Amino acid sequence: QVHLVETGGGLVQPGHPLRLSCTASGSTLDLYSIAWFRQAPGKEREGVACIDNSMRNGATYYADSVKGRFTIARDNVKNTVDLQMHFLTPDDTASYFCATQTGGCYSRFVVGVRAQGDFWGQGTQVTVSS
């Protein structure tokens, strides 16, 4: 069992950065491929970024909407997967969730293969507004 907790959300002005962290208890996050998702009110859940585990060489993948602005990275000392967000716009306003990706980022995040057994956090709210 992996218990994921997202932190770092809040209110931020457009153009300003924000960093989210996905923290795990009960396991080492480096064993898992981890993705960040977001969901805004009235919209479907969107995959934002994904980072593979060390067995898959830590490959990273990004949604087109965040490429060049967001960076996903591991901090194995802190046992976190962080999402560094730059040049935020109001369109980035959403609840952000992290989740394990059984089978790896390419099949799950890129291709969209469905699977069961993933662990999800409760989410953290990001609001981009002036």
Foldseek 3Di string as FASTA:
>chain_A
DKAWAKDWADEAAAQAKTKIKIAIPPDQCLVFKKWKWWDDPPDDIATAKIFGHVVVPGDMDGDPVQPPFWDWDDDRVRSIIMIIGGRDDQVPWTWMKMKTDPPTCCVCVVVNDDDDDMDMYPTDTHGYHD
